[in-house]
Structures are given as structure tokens and as C-alpha cells.
Amino acid sequence: YAGSEATNVWGLTEASRKTTGVDAAVLPVTIIYDAALT
């Protein structure tokens, strides 16, 4: 239930620092929700 799939926010960690940003390219074009998978 993280929700990352519905955002255009990315996050990367380098040298113990997490950087986040916004980029339209990282927004999934489709989300497939299936409660059986949880």
C-alpha cells in the first residue's frame, strides 16, 4: 500500500543521502491493482 505507483516522484540514495525529485517520465502509464497479490 506504498502508493509510489501513482506518483511522479522518484527517490535515489547515494552516499547515505536520499534525494527525491519530480519527473513526468517516472509516472507509470498504467497501474494494475489486484488485492489477491497482497
Full PDB file with SEQRES, HELIX, SHEET, SSBOND, CRYST1, ORIGX, SCALE, CONECT and MASTER records, all heavy atoms in Angstrom:
SEQRES   1 A   38  TYR ALA GLY SER GLU ALA THR ASN VAL TRP GLY LEU THR          
SEQRES   2 A   38  GLU ALA SER ARG LYS THR THR GLY VAL ASP ALA ALA VAL          
SEQRES   3 A   38  LEU PRO VAL THR ILE ILE TYR ASP ALA ALA LEU THR              
HELIX    1 AA1 SER A    4  ALA A    6  5                                   3    
HELIX    2 AA2 ALA A   24  VAL A   26  5                                   3    
HELIX    3 AA3 ALA A   35  LEU A   37  5                                   3    
SHEET    1 AA1 2 VAL A   9  GLU A  14  0                                        
SHEET    2 AA1 2 ARG A  17  VAL A  22 -1                                        
CRYST1    1.000    1.000    1.000  90.00  90.00  90.00 P 1           1          
ORIGX1      1.000000  0.000000  0.000000        0.00000                         
ORIGX2      0.000000  1.000000  0.000000        0.00000                         
ORIGX3      0.000000  0.000000  1.000000        0.00000                         
SCALE1      1.000000  0.000000  0.000000        0.00000                         
SCALE2      0.000000  1.000000  0.000000        0.00000                         
SCALE3      0.000000  0.000000  1.000000        0.00000                         
ATOM      1  N   TYR A   1       0.827  -1.212   0.000  1.00  0.00           N  
ATOM      2  CA  TYR A   1       0.000   0.000   0.000  1.00  0.00           C  
ATOM      3  C   TYR A   1       0.859   1.259   0.000  1.00  0.00           C  
ATOM      4  O   TYR A   1       0.470   2.302   0.513  1.00  0.00           O  
ATOM      5  CB  TYR A   1      -0.939  -0.034   1.210  1.00  0.00           C  
ATOM      6  CG  TYR A   1      -1.620  -1.375   1.354  1.00  0.00           C  
ATOM      7  CD1 TYR A   1      -1.362  -2.213   2.435  1.00  0.00           C  
ATOM      8  CD2 TYR A   1      -2.494  -1.825   0.369  1.00  0.00           C  
ATOM      9  CE1 TYR A   1      -1.958  -3.467   2.524  1.00  0.00           C  
ATOM     10  CE2 TYR A   1      -3.101  -3.069   0.463  1.00  0.00           C  
ATOM     11  CZ  TYR A   1      -2.830  -3.890   1.538  1.00  0.00           C  
ATOM     12  OH  TYR A   1      -3.418  -5.123   1.618  1.00  0.00           O  
ATOM     13  N   ALA A   2       2.049   1.162  -0.610  1.00  0.00           N  
ATOM     14  CA  ALA A   2       3.010   2.265  -0.585  1.00  0.00           C  
ATOM     15  C   ALA A   2       2.527   3.483  -1.358  1.00  0.00           C  
ATOM     16  O   ALA A   2       2.800   4.625  -0.983  1.00  0.00           O  
ATOM     17  CB  ALA A   2       4.356   1.791  -1.146  1.00  0.00           C  
ATOM     18  N   GLY A   3       1.853   3.269  -2.487  1.00  0.00           N  
ATOM     19  CA  GLY A   3       1.322   4.388  -3.259  1.00  0.00           C  
ATOM     20  C   GLY A   3       2.275   4.986  -4.275  1.00  0.00           C  
ATOM     21  O   GLY A   3       1.881   5.843  -5.060  1.00  0.00           O  
ATOM     22  N   SER A   4       3.526   4.533  -4.294  1.00  0.00           N  
ATOM     23  CA  SER A   4       4.505   5.104  -5.215  1.00  0.00           C  
ATOM     24  C   SER A   4       4.065   4.991  -6.668  1.00  0.00           C  
ATOM     25  O   SER A   4       4.428   5.825  -7.507  1.00  0.00           O  
ATOM     26  CB  SER A   4       5.859   4.404  -5.020  1.00  0.00           C  
ATOM     27  OG  SER A   4       6.812   4.838  -5.958  1.00  0.00           O  
ATOM     28  N   GLU A   5       3.271   3.969  -6.954  1.00  0.00           N  
ATOM     29  CA  GLU A   5       2.836   3.726  -8.328  1.00  0.00           C  
ATOM     30  C   GLU A   5       1.995   4.858  -8.909  1.00  0.00           C  
ATOM     31  O   GLU A   5       1.860   4.988 -10.119  1.00  0.00           O  
ATOM     32  CB  GLU A   5       2.046   2.417  -8.399  1.00  0.00           C  
ATOM     33  CG  GLU A   5       0.718   2.421  -7.672  1.00  0.00           C  
ATOM     34  CD  GLU A   5       0.804   2.172  -6.174  1.00  0.00           C  
ATOM     35  OE1 GLU A   5       1.923   1.932  -5.671  1.00  0.00           O  
ATOM     36  OE2 GLU A   5      -0.251   2.218  -5.504  1.00  0.00           O  
ATOM     37  N   ALA A   6       1.408   5.683  -8.059  1.00  0.00           N  
ATOM     38  CA  ALA A   6       0.520   6.753  -8.533  1.00  0.00           C  
ATOM     39  C   ALA A   6       1.171   8.124  -8.474  1.00  0.00           C  
ATOM     40  O   ALA A   6       0.478   9.134  -8.587  1.00  0.00           O  
ATOM     41  CB  ALA A   6      -0.775   6.748  -7.725  1.00  0.00           C  
ATOM     42  N   THR A   7       2.483   8.179  -8.292  1.00  0.00           N  
ATOM     43  CA  THR A   7       3.162   9.464  -8.203  1.00  0.00           C  
ATOM     44  C   THR A   7       4.216   9.622  -9.294  1.00  0.00           C  
ATOM     45  O   THR A   7       4.716   8.641  -9.840  1.00  0.00           O  
ATOM     46  CB  THR A   7       3.857   9.663  -6.841  1.00  0.00           C  
ATOM     47  OG1 THR A   7       5.114   8.954  -6.824  1.00  0.00           O  
ATOM     48  CG2 THR A   7       2.986   9.186  -5.694  1.00  0.00           C  
ATOM     49  N   ASN A   8       4.557  10.873  -9.562  1.00  0.00           N  
ATOM     50  CA  ASN A   8       5.659  11.188 -10.483  1.00  0.00           C  
ATOM     51  C   ASN A   8       6.918  11.568  -9.703  1.00  0.00           C  
ATOM     52  O   ASN A   8       7.770  12.305 -10.187  1.00  0.00           O  
ATOM     53  CB  ASN A   8       5.264  12.320 -11.430  1.00  0.00           C  
ATOM     54  CG  ASN A   8       4.843  13.583 -10.687  1.00  0.00           C  
ATOM     55  OD1 ASN A   8       4.780  13.601  -9.459  1.00  0.00           O  
ATOM     56  ND2 ASN A   8       4.548  14.634 -11.430  1.00  0.00           N  
ATOM     57  N   VAL A   9       7.019  11.029  -8.491  1.00  0.00           N  
ATOM     58  CA  VAL A   9       8.148  11.313  -7.598  1.00  0.00           C  
ATOM     59  C   VAL A   9       9.127  10.140  -7.632  1.00  0.00           C  
ATOM     60  O   VAL A   9       8.719   8.978  -7.519  1.00  0.00           O  
ATOM     61  CB  VAL A   9       7.661  11.536  -6.152  1.00  0.00           C  
ATOM     62  CG1 VAL A   9       8.839  11.795  -5.218  1.00  0.00           C  
ATOM     63  CG2 VAL A   9       6.670  12.690  -6.101  1.00  0.00           C  
ATOM     64  N   TRP A  10      10.422  10.448  -7.795  1.00  0.00           N  
ATOM     65  CA  TRP A  10      11.459   9.423  -7.736  1.00  0.00           C  
ATOM     66  C   TRP A  10      12.328   9.654  -6.506  1.00  0.00           C  
ATOM     67  O   TRP A  10      12.357  10.748  -5.940  1.00  0.00           O  
ATOM     68  CB  TRP A  10      12.327   9.444  -9.002  1.00  0.00           C  
ATOM     69  CG  TRP A  10      12.962  10.778  -9.308  1.00  0.00           C  
ATOM     70  CD1 TRP A  10      12.486  11.750 -10.132  1.00  0.00           C  
ATOM     71  CD2 TRP A  10      14.188  11.293  -8.752  1.00  0.00           C  
ATOM     72  NE1 TRP A  10      13.318  12.842 -10.144  1.00  0.00           N  
ATOM     73  CE2 TRP A  10      14.385  12.587  -9.303  1.00  0.00           C  
ATOM     74  CE3 TRP A  10      15.132  10.794  -7.859  1.00  0.00           C  
ATOM     75  CZ2 TRP A  10      15.490  13.387  -8.987  1.00  0.00           C  
ATOM     76  CZ3 TRP A  10      16.225  11.589  -7.532  1.00  0.00           C  
ATOM     77  CH2 TRP A  10      16.395  12.869  -8.099  1.00  0.00           C  
ATOM     78  N   GLY A  11      13.047   8.601  -6.098  1.00  0.00           N  
ATOM     79  CA  GLY A  11      13.963   8.711  -4.967  1.00  0.00           C  
ATOM     80  C   GLY A  11      15.178   7.836  -5.183  1.00  0.00           C  
ATOM     81  O   GLY A  11      15.043   6.675  -5.582  1.00  0.00           O  
ATOM     82  N   LEU A  12      16.347   8.384  -4.943  1.00  0.00           N  
ATOM     83  CA  LEU A  12      17.606   7.645  -5.065  1.00  0.00           C  
ATOM     84  C   LEU A  12      18.471   7.942  -3.850  1.00  0.00           C  
ATOM     85  O   LEU A  12      18.446   9.063  -3.318  1.00  0.00           O  
ATOM     86  CB  LEU A  12      18.359   8.058  -6.335  1.00  0.00           C  
ATOM     87  CG  LEU A  12      17.751   7.655  -7.678  1.00  0.00           C  
ATOM     88  CD1 LEU A  12      18.474   8.366  -8.815  1.00  0.00           C  
ATOM     89  CD2 LEU A  12      17.812   6.147  -7.866  1.00  0.00           C  
ATOM     90  N   THR A  13      19.242   6.943  -3.424  1.00  0.00           N  
ATOM     91  CA  THR A  13      20.129   7.122  -2.284  1.00  0.00           C  
ATOM     92  C   THR A  13      21.578   6.986  -2.742  1.00  0.00           C  
ATOM     93  O   THR A  13      21.944   6.010  -3.402  1.00  0.00           O  
ATOM     94  CB  THR A  13      19.836   6.094  -1.186  1.00  0.00           C  
ATOM     95  OG1 THR A  13      18.469   6.243  -0.770  1.00  0.00           O  
ATOM     96  CG2 THR A  13      20.743   6.300   0.015  1.00  0.00           C  
ATOM     97  N   GLU A  14      22.381   7.977  -2.396  1.00  0.00           N  
ATOM     98  CA  GLU A  14      23.799   7.973  -2.736  1.00  0.00           C  
ATOM     99  C   GLU A  14      24.583   8.540  -1.560  1.00  0.00           C  
ATOM    100  O   GLU A  14      24.238   9.602  -1.032  1.00  0.00           O  
ATOM    101  CB  GLU A  14      24.063   8.817  -3.985  1.00  0.00           C  
ATOM    102  CG  GLU A  14      25.501   8.773  -4.464  1.00  0.00           C  
ATOM    103  CD  GLU A  14      25.687   9.469  -5.801  1.00  0.00           C  
ATOM    104  OE1 GLU A  14      24.749  10.146  -6.267  1.00  0.00           O  
ATOM    105  OE2 GLU A  14      26.781   9.328  -6.384  1.00  0.00           O  
ATOM    106  N   ALA A  15      25.604   7.817  -1.135  1.00  0.00           N  
ATOM    107  CA  ALA A  15      26.440   8.238  -0.006  1.00  0.00           C  
ATOM    108  C   ALA A  15      25.579   8.571   1.213  1.00  0.00           C  
ATOM    109  O   ALA A  15      25.754   9.604   1.860  1.00  0.00           O  
ATOM    110  CB  ALA A  15      27.300   9.439  -0.396  1.00  0.00           C  
ATOM    111  N   SER A  16      24.635   7.692   1.529  1.00  0.00           N  
ATOM    112  CA  SER A  16      23.771   7.804   2.712  1.00  0.00           C  
ATOM    113  C   SER A  16      22.868   9.030   2.698  1.00  0.00           C  
ATOM    114  O   SER A  16      22.385   9.457   3.746  1.00  0.00           O  
ATOM    115  CB  SER A  16      24.605   7.810   4.004  1.00  0.00           C  
ATOM    116  OG  SER A  16      25.304   6.598   4.144  1.00  0.00           O  
ATOM    117  N   ARG A  17      22.620   9.595   1.533  1.00  0.00           N  
ATOM    118  CA  ARG A  17      21.679  10.706   1.415  1.00  0.00           C  
ATOM    119  C   ARG A  17      20.623  10.362   0.378  1.00  0.00           C  
ATOM    120  O   ARG A  17      20.957  10.042  -0.757  1.00  0.00           O  
ATOM    121  CB  ARG A  17      22.392  12.006   1.004  1.00  0.00           C  
ATOM    122  CG  ARG A  17      23.312  12.587   2.074  1.00  0.00           C  
ATOM    123  CD  ARG A  17      22.532  13.111   3.264  1.00  0.00           C  
ATOM    124  NE  ARG A  17      23.414  13.630   4.304  1.00  0.00           N  
ATOM    125  CZ  ARG A  17      23.782  14.909   4.405  1.00  0.00           C  
ATOM    126  NH1 ARG A  17      23.359  15.784   3.507  1.00  0.00           N  
ATOM    127  NH2 ARG A  17      24.577  15.288   5.379  1.00  0.00           N  
ATOM    128  N   LYS A  18      19.361  10.421   0.787  1.00  0.00           N  
ATOM    129  CA  LYS A  18      18.274  10.140  -0.142  1.00  0.00           C  
ATOM    130  C   LYS A  18      17.815  11.428  -0.792  1.00  0.00           C  
ATOM    131  O   LYS A  18      17.460  12.391  -0.104  1.00  0.00           O  
ATOM    132  CB  LYS A  18      17.108   9.455   0.565  1.00  0.00           C  
ATOM    133  CG  LYS A  18      16.009   8.993  -0.393  1.00  0.00           C  
ATOM    134  CD  LYS A  18      14.991   8.107   0.295  1.00  0.00           C  
ATOM    135  CE  LYS A  18      13.978   7.557  -0.694  1.00  0.00           C  
ATOM    136  NZ  LYS A  18      13.020   6.631  -0.059  1.00  0.00           N  
ATOM    137  N   THR A  19      17.816  11.436  -2.110  1.00  0.00           N  
ATOM    138  CA  THR A  19      17.371  12.583  -2.880  1.00  0.00           C  
ATOM    139  C   THR A  19      16.081  12.216  -3.591  1.00  0.00           C  
ATOM    140  O   THR A  19      15.951  11.122  -4.136  1.00  0.00           O  
ATOM    141  CB  THR A  19      18.430  12.988  -3.929  1.00  0.00           C  
ATOM    142  OG1 THR A  19      19.660  13.253  -3.264  1.00  0.00           O  
ATOM    143  CG2 THR A  19      17.986  14.220  -4.698  1.00  0.00           C  
ATOM    144  N   THR A  20      15.126  13.129  -3.580  1.00  0.00           N  
ATOM    145  CA  THR A  20      13.874  12.903  -4.293  1.00  0.00           C  
ATOM    146  C   THR A  20      13.657  14.028  -5.293  1.00  0.00           C  
ATOM    147  O   THR A  20      14.212  15.118  -5.170  1.00  0.00           O  
ATOM    148  CB  THR A  20      12.673  12.830  -3.339  1.00  0.00           C  
ATOM    149  OG1 THR A  20      12.558  14.079  -2.635  1.00  0.00           O  
ATOM    150  CG2 THR A  20      12.840  11.710  -2.338  1.00  0.00           C  
ATOM    151  N   GLY A  21      12.860  13.751  -6.292  1.00  0.00           N  
ATOM    152  CA  GLY A  21      12.545  14.754  -7.291  1.00  0.00           C  
ATOM    153  C   GLY A  21      11.284  14.379  -8.038  1.00  0.00           C  
ATOM    154  O   GLY A  21      10.686  13.327  -7.783  1.00  0.00           O  
ATOM    155  N   VAL A  22      10.884  15.238  -8.949  1.00  0.00           N  
ATOM    156  CA  VAL A  22       9.664  15.039  -9.737  1.00  0.00           C  
ATOM    157  C   VAL A  22      10.032  15.004 -11.209  1.00  0.00           C  
ATOM    158  O   VAL A  22      10.797  15.841 -11.687  1.00  0.00           O  
ATOM    159  CB  VAL A  22       8.656  16.174  -9.467  1.00  0.00           C  
ATOM    160  CG1 VAL A  22       7.455  16.058 -10.398  1.00  0.00           C  
ATOM    161  CG2 VAL A  22       8.207  16.146  -8.012  1.00  0.00           C  
ATOM    162  N   ASP A  23       9.496  14.025 -11.920  1.00  0.00           N  
ATOM    163  CA  ASP A  23       9.758  13.886 -13.348  1.00  0.00           C  
ATOM    164  C   ASP A  23       8.566  13.160 -13.970  1.00  0.00           C  
ATOM    165  O   ASP A  23       8.210  12.060 -13.528  1.00  0.00           O  
ATOM    166  CB  ASP A  23      11.048  13.096 -13.577  1.00  0.00           C  
ATOM    167  CG  ASP A  23      11.488  13.075 -15.040  1.00  0.00           C  
ATOM    168  OD1 ASP A  23      10.626  13.184 -15.927  1.00  0.00           O  
ATOM    169  OD2 ASP A  23      12.696  12.921 -15.286  1.00  0.00           O  
ATOM    170  N   ALA A  24       7.943  13.759 -14.960  1.00  0.00           N  
ATOM    171  CA  ALA A  24       6.768  13.153 -15.587  1.00  0.00           C  
ATOM    172  C   ALA A  24       7.076  11.776 -16.154  1.00  0.00           C  
ATOM    173  O   ALA A  24       6.185  10.914 -16.231  1.00  0.00           O  
ATOM    174  CB  ALA A  24       6.242  14.066 -16.694  1.00  0.00           C  
ATOM    175  N   ALA A  25       8.337  11.534 -16.518  1.00  0.00           N  
ATOM    176  CA  ALA A  25       8.698  10.256 -17.145  1.00  0.00           C  
ATOM    177  C   ALA A  25       8.607   9.085 -16.189  1.00  0.00           C  
ATOM    178  O   ALA A  25       8.517   7.927 -16.631  1.00  0.00           O  
ATOM    179  CB  ALA A  25      10.114  10.338 -17.714  1.00  0.00           C  
ATOM    180  N   VAL A  26       8.635   9.322 -14.883  1.00  0.00           N  
ATOM    181  CA  VAL A  26       8.613   8.202 -13.938  1.00  0.00           C  
ATOM    182  C   VAL A  26       7.199   7.829 -13.499  1.00  0.00           C  
ATOM    183  O   VAL A  26       7.016   6.858 -12.763  1.00  0.00           O  
ATOM    184  CB  VAL A  26       9.497   8.492 -12.699  1.00  0.00           C  
ATOM    185  CG1 VAL A  26      10.884   8.942 -13.108  1.00  0.00           C  
ATOM    186  CG2 VAL A  26       8.857   9.506 -11.768  1.00  0.00           C  
ATOM    187  N   LEU A  27       6.202   8.577 -13.928  1.00  0.00           N  
ATOM    188  CA  LEU A  27       4.818   8.237 -13.593  1.00  0.00           C  
ATOM    189  C   LEU A  27       4.389   7.030 -14.420  1.00  0.00           C  
ATOM    190  O   LEU A  27       4.384   7.082 -15.648  1.00  0.00           O  
ATOM    191  CB  LEU A  27       3.887   9.411 -13.896  1.00  0.00           C  
ATOM    192  CG  LEU A  27       2.399   9.168 -13.624  1.00  0.00           C  
ATOM    193  CD1 LEU A  27       2.130   9.156 -12.124  1.00  0.00           C  
ATOM    194  CD2 LEU A  27       1.547  10.213 -14.324  1.00  0.00           C  
ATOM    195  N   PRO A  28       4.062   5.906 -13.773  1.00  0.00           N  
ATOM    196  CA  PRO A  28       3.612   4.746 -14.553  1.00  0.00           C  
ATOM    197  C   PRO A  28       2.424   5.092 -15.441  1.00  0.00           C  
ATOM    198  O   PRO A  28       1.514   5.824 -15.018  1.00  0.00           O  
ATOM    199  CB  PRO A  28       3.226   3.734 -13.466  1.00  0.00           C  
ATOM    200  CG  PRO A  28       4.124   4.087 -12.304  1.00  0.00           C  
ATOM    201  CD  PRO A  28       4.196   5.586 -12.328  1.00  0.00           C  
ATOM    202  N   VAL A  29       2.422   4.566 -16.660  1.00  0.00           N  
ATOM    203  CA  VAL A  29       1.318   4.851 -17.573  1.00  0.00           C  
ATOM    204  C   VAL A  29       0.066   4.091 -17.148  1.00  0.00           C  
ATOM    205  O   VAL A  29      -1.062   4.530 -17.405  1.00  0.00           O  
ATOM    206  CB  VAL A  29       1.679   4.510 -19.035  1.00  0.00           C  
ATOM    207  CG1 VAL A  29       2.818   5.377 -19.516  1.00  0.00           C  
ATOM    208  CG2 VAL A  29       2.032   3.031 -19.197  1.00  0.00           C  
ATOM    209  N   THR A  30       0.273   2.963 -16.484  1.00  0.00           N  
ATOM    210  CA  THR A  30      -0.847   2.130 -16.045  1.00  0.00           C  
ATOM    211  C   THR A  30      -0.536   1.534 -14.676  1.00  0.00           C  
ATOM    212  O   THR A  30       0.603   1.143 -14.405  1.00  0.00           O  
ATOM    213  CB  THR A  30      -1.107   0.966 -17.035  1.00  0.00           C  
ATOM    214  OG1 THR A  30      -1.344   1.497 -18.332  1.00  0.00           O  
ATOM    215  CG2 THR A  30      -2.306   0.125 -16.601  1.00  0.00           C  
ATOM    216  N   ILE A  31      -1.555   1.478 -13.828  1.00  0.00           N  
ATOM    217  CA  ILE A  31      -1.459   0.754 -12.562  1.00  0.00           C  
ATOM    218  C   ILE A  31      -2.445  -0.404 -12.613  1.00  0.00           C  
ATOM    219  O   ILE A  31      -3.609  -0.222 -12.995  1.00  0.00           O  
ATOM    220  CB  ILE A  31      -1.814   1.631 -11.348  1.00  0.00           C  
ATOM    221  CG1 ILE A  31      -1.040   2.938 -11.353  1.00  0.00           C  
ATOM    222  CG2 ILE A  31      -1.544   0.868 -10.047  1.00  0.00           C  
ATOM    223  CD1 ILE A  31      -1.521   3.916 -10.287  1.00  0.00           C  
ATOM    224  N   ILE A  32      -1.990  -1.577 -12.228  1.00  0.00           N  
ATOM    225  CA  ILE A  32      -2.859  -2.745 -12.138  1.00  0.00           C  
ATOM    226  C   ILE A  32      -2.961  -3.137 -10.668  1.00  0.00           C  
ATOM    227  O   ILE A  32      -1.983  -3.564 -10.060  1.00  0.00           O  
ATOM    228  CB  ILE A  32      -2.312  -3.911 -12.983  1.00  0.00           C  
ATOM    229  CG1 ILE A  32      -2.327  -3.522 -14.468  1.00  0.00           C  
ATOM    230  CG2 ILE A  32      -3.118  -5.183 -12.734  1.00  0.00           C  
ATOM    231  CD1 ILE A  32      -1.668  -4.537 -15.373  1.00  0.00           C  
ATOM    232  N   TYR A  33      -4.144  -2.944 -10.102  1.00  0.00           N  
ATOM    233  CA  TYR A  33      -4.385  -3.289  -8.704  1.00  0.00           C  
ATOM    234  C   TYR A  33      -5.130  -4.620  -8.619  1.00  0.00           C  
ATOM    235  O   TYR A  33      -6.159  -4.808  -9.285  1.00  0.00           O  
ATOM    236  CB  TYR A  33      -5.232  -2.211  -8.020  1.00  0.00           C  
ATOM    237  CG  TYR A  33      -4.504  -0.927  -7.705  1.00  0.00           C  
ATOM    238  CD1 TYR A  33      -4.848   0.257  -8.343  1.00  0.00           C  
ATOM    239  CD2 TYR A  33      -3.483  -0.892  -6.759  1.00  0.00           C  
ATOM    240  CE1 TYR A  33      -4.201   1.443  -8.043  1.00  0.00           C  
ATOM    241  CE2 TYR A  33      -2.823   0.290  -6.454  1.00  0.00           C  
ATOM    242  CZ  TYR A  33      -3.184   1.452  -7.098  1.00  0.00           C  
ATOM    243  OH  TYR A  33      -2.540   2.625  -6.800  1.00  0.00           O  
ATOM    244  N   ASP A  34      -4.612  -5.515  -7.792  1.00  0.00           N  
ATOM    245  CA  ASP A  34      -5.220  -6.826  -7.593  1.00  0.00           C  
ATOM    246  C   ASP A  34      -5.013  -7.204  -6.134  1.00  0.00           C  
ATOM    247  O   ASP A  34      -3.896  -7.507  -5.711  1.00  0.00           O  
ATOM    248  CB  ASP A  34      -4.558  -7.851  -8.521  1.00  0.00           C  
ATOM    249  CG  ASP A  34      -5.189  -9.236  -8.445  1.00  0.00           C  
ATOM    250  OD1 ASP A  34      -5.884  -9.521  -7.448  1.00  0.00           O  
ATOM    251  OD2 ASP A  34      -4.973 -10.036  -9.373  1.00  0.00           O  
ATOM    252  N   ALA A  35      -6.080  -7.165  -5.364  1.00  0.00           N  
ATOM    253  CA  ALA A  35      -5.965  -7.429  -3.930  1.00  0.00           C  
ATOM    254  C   ALA A  35      -5.422  -8.819  -3.636  1.00  0.00           C  
ATOM    255  O   ALA A  35      -4.805  -9.040  -2.583  1.00  0.00           O  
ATOM    256  CB  ALA A  35      -7.326  -7.249  -3.252  1.00  0.00           C  
ATOM    257  N   ALA A  36      -5.605  -9.766  -4.551  1.00  0.00           N  
ATOM    258  CA  ALA A  36      -5.092 -11.115  -4.329  1.00  0.00           C  
ATOM    259  C   ALA A  36      -3.574 -11.124  -4.221  1.00  0.00           C  
ATOM    260  O   ALA A  36      -3.000 -11.991  -3.553  1.00  0.00           O  
ATOM    261  CB  ALA A  36      -5.539 -12.034  -5.465  1.00  0.00           C  
ATOM    262  N   LEU A  37      -2.913 -10.163  -4.845  1.00  0.00           N  
ATOM    263  CA  LEU A  37      -1.454 -10.098  -4.803  1.00  0.00           C  
ATOM    264  C   LEU A  37      -0.936  -9.594  -3.457  1.00  0.00           C  
ATOM    265  O   LEU A  37       0.254  -9.699  -3.181  1.00  0.00           O  
ATOM    266  CB  LEU A  37      -0.927  -9.196  -5.918  1.00  0.00           C  
ATOM    267  CG  LEU A  37      -1.304  -9.590  -7.344  1.00  0.00           C  
ATOM    268  CD1 LEU A  37      -0.698  -8.613  -8.338  1.00  0.00           C  
ATOM    269  CD2 LEU A  37      -0.873 -11.018  -7.651  1.00  0.00           C  
ATOM    270  N   THR A  38      -1.817  -9.052  -2.633  1.00  0.00           N  
ATOM    271  CA  THR A  38      -1.390  -8.557  -1.315  1.00  0.00           C  
ATOM    272  C   THR A  38      -1.635  -9.576  -0.202  1.00  0.00           C  
ATOM    273  O   THR A  38      -1.277  -9.323   0.947  1.00  0.00           O  
ATOM    274  CB  THR A  38      -2.118  -7.245  -0.959  1.00  0.00           C  
ATOM    275  OG1 THR A  38      -3.512  -7.514  -0.714  1.00  0.00           O  
ATOM    276  CG2 THR A  38      -1.993  -6.219  -2.074  1.00  0.00           C  
TER     277      THR A  38                                                      
MASTER        0    0    0    3    2    0    0    6  276    1    0    3          
END                                                                             
